[in-house]
Amino acid sequence: MFSYSYDVIKEISKCFLLNLAVADLMVCLVTMSTEILFVAFGEWVLGAVACKLIVYAQIVTLASTTFLLTVMSIDRHQVRPEKSQMSVLPVVVWLADKNRNRGNILIIS
């Protein structure tokens, strides 16, 4: 079993919480703002290209938030890996989600 100081555990938690806060803010900016426009005008007024890009951004931000929460939960219930691995993990989550949803930008019409 590994033993970690309180400072290392606190720093890892801050890294996860910072990434989760950024993801939540992106959900608010991307999802909520476009939904308000859609409800206010009763139709999509931003054009076909913006529609595809915004829907793609919505999928990425919502999935990233979900994946970050999943990684945080797994982190809480496992032996902690090295500090260097934990600082890279949120970046991997963001990139994996972006690449996983790349095909959606072509499918959504």
Protein backbone atom coordinates (compact mmCIF):
# COMPACT_ATOMS: atom_id res chain seq x y z
CA MET A 1 0.00 0.00 0.00
CA PHE A 2 1.22 3.47 -0.84
CA SER A 3 1.24 6.27 1.65
CA TYR A 4 0.73 9.82 0.53
CA SER A 5 1.01 13.04 2.39
CA TYR A 6 -2.05 15.17 2.84
CA ASP A 7 -0.59 17.83 0.51
CA VAL A 8 -0.26 15.42 -2.43
CA ILE A 9 -3.83 14.15 -2.02
CA LYS A 10 -5.10 17.72 -1.73
CA GLU A 11 -3.25 18.75 -4.91
CA ILE A 12 -4.69 15.83 -6.89
CA SER A 13 -8.20 16.70 -5.71
CA LYS A 14 -7.71 20.32 -6.73
CA CYS A 15 -6.66 19.21 -10.22
CA PHE A 16 -9.83 17.15 -10.65
CA LEU A 17 -12.07 19.85 -9.21
CA LEU A 18 -10.54 22.53 -11.43
CA ASN A 19 -11.15 20.42 -14.55
CA LEU A 20 -14.69 19.65 -13.43
CA ALA A 21 -15.36 23.35 -12.84
CA VAL A 22 -14.08 24.21 -16.34
CA ALA A 23 -16.23 21.45 -17.84
CA ASP A 24 -19.32 22.68 -15.98
CA LEU A 25 -18.72 26.26 -17.10
CA MET A 26 -18.39 25.07 -20.69
CA VAL A 27 -21.69 23.20 -20.36
CA CYS A 28 -23.32 26.42 -19.16
CA LEU A 29 -21.81 28.55 -21.92
CA VAL A 30 -22.30 26.14 -24.81
CA THR A 31 -25.50 24.33 -23.93
CA MET A 32 -27.53 26.86 -21.99
CA SER A 33 -26.81 29.87 -24.20
CA THR A 34 -27.76 28.11 -27.41
CA GLU A 35 -30.88 26.59 -25.85
CA ILE A 36 -31.99 30.05 -24.71
CA LEU A 37 -31.56 31.35 -28.27
CA PHE A 38 -33.54 28.42 -29.64
CA VAL A 39 -36.40 28.94 -27.19
CA ALA A 40 -36.42 32.72 -27.63
CA PHE A 41 -36.66 32.63 -31.43
CA GLY A 42 -38.62 29.40 -31.76
CA GLU A 43 -36.23 28.14 -34.43
CA TRP A 44 -32.53 27.72 -35.04
CA VAL A 45 -31.18 31.08 -36.25
CA LEU A 46 -27.43 30.47 -36.26
CA GLY A 47 -27.16 28.49 -39.51
CA ALA A 48 -26.30 24.94 -40.49
CA VAL A 49 -22.56 25.12 -39.80
CA ALA A 50 -23.05 26.60 -36.34
CA CYS A 51 -25.65 23.93 -35.65
CA LYS A 52 -23.18 21.14 -36.32
CA LEU A 53 -20.36 22.79 -34.38
CA ILE A 54 -22.49 23.68 -31.37
CA VAL A 55 -24.08 20.24 -31.13
CA TYR A 56 -20.60 18.73 -31.30
CA ALA A 57 -19.41 21.09 -28.55
CA GLN A 58 -22.46 20.17 -26.44
CA ILE A 59 -21.72 16.47 -26.77
CA VAL A 60 -18.04 16.93 -25.90
CA THR A 61 -18.68 19.12 -22.85
CA LEU A 62 -21.45 16.96 -21.44
CA ALA A 63 -19.50 13.74 -21.95
CA SER A 64 -16.32 15.27 -20.52
CA THR A 65 -18.16 16.26 -17.36
CA THR A 66 -19.50 12.73 -17.02
CA PHE A 67 -16.09 11.17 -17.64
CA LEU A 68 -14.39 13.49 -15.15
CA LEU A 69 -16.92 12.53 -12.48
CA THR A 70 -16.29 8.88 -13.28
CA VAL A 71 -12.51 9.30 -13.01
CA MET A 72 -12.93 11.15 -9.71
CA SER A 73 -15.06 8.32 -8.36
CA ILE A 74 -12.57 5.68 -9.44
CA ASP A 75 -9.76 7.72 -7.89
CA ARG A 76 -11.57 7.81 -4.56
CA HIS A 77 -12.01 4.04 -4.44
CA GLN A 78 -8.59 2.85 -5.61
CA VAL A 79 -5.03 3.05 -4.45
CA ARG A 80 -3.69 6.35 -5.63
CA PRO A 81 -1.30 6.22 -8.59
CA GLU A 82 1.71 8.48 -8.81
CA LYS A 83 1.14 12.23 -8.75
CA SER A 84 2.49 12.65 -12.29
CA GLN A 85 -0.11 10.20 -13.62
CA MET A 86 -2.96 12.00 -11.90
CA SER A 87 -2.08 15.37 -13.42
CA VAL A 88 -2.19 13.86 -16.92
CA LEU A 89 -5.44 11.94 -16.44
CA PRO A 90 -7.85 14.91 -16.88
CA VAL A 91 -6.08 15.83 -20.13
CA VAL A 92 -6.51 12.26 -21.35
CA VAL A 93 -10.23 12.41 -20.50
CA TRP A 94 -10.72 15.62 -22.49
CA LEU A 95 -8.79 14.35 -25.52
CA ALA A 96 -10.41 10.92 -25.49
CA ASP A 97 -13.86 12.43 -25.41
CA LYS A 98 -13.06 14.93 -28.17
CA ASN A 99 -11.71 12.17 -30.41
CA ARG A 100 -14.53 9.76 -29.57
CA ASN A 101 -17.15 12.28 -30.66
CA ARG A 102 -15.36 13.52 -33.78
CA GLY A 103 -17.65 11.49 -36.06
CA ASN A 104 -20.75 13.14 -34.63
CA ILE A 105 -19.94 16.41 -36.35
CA LEU A 106 -20.40 14.68 -39.71
CA ILE A 107 -23.49 12.69 -38.75
CA ILE A 108 -25.61 15.44 -37.21
CA SER A 109 -27.68 17.20 -39.82
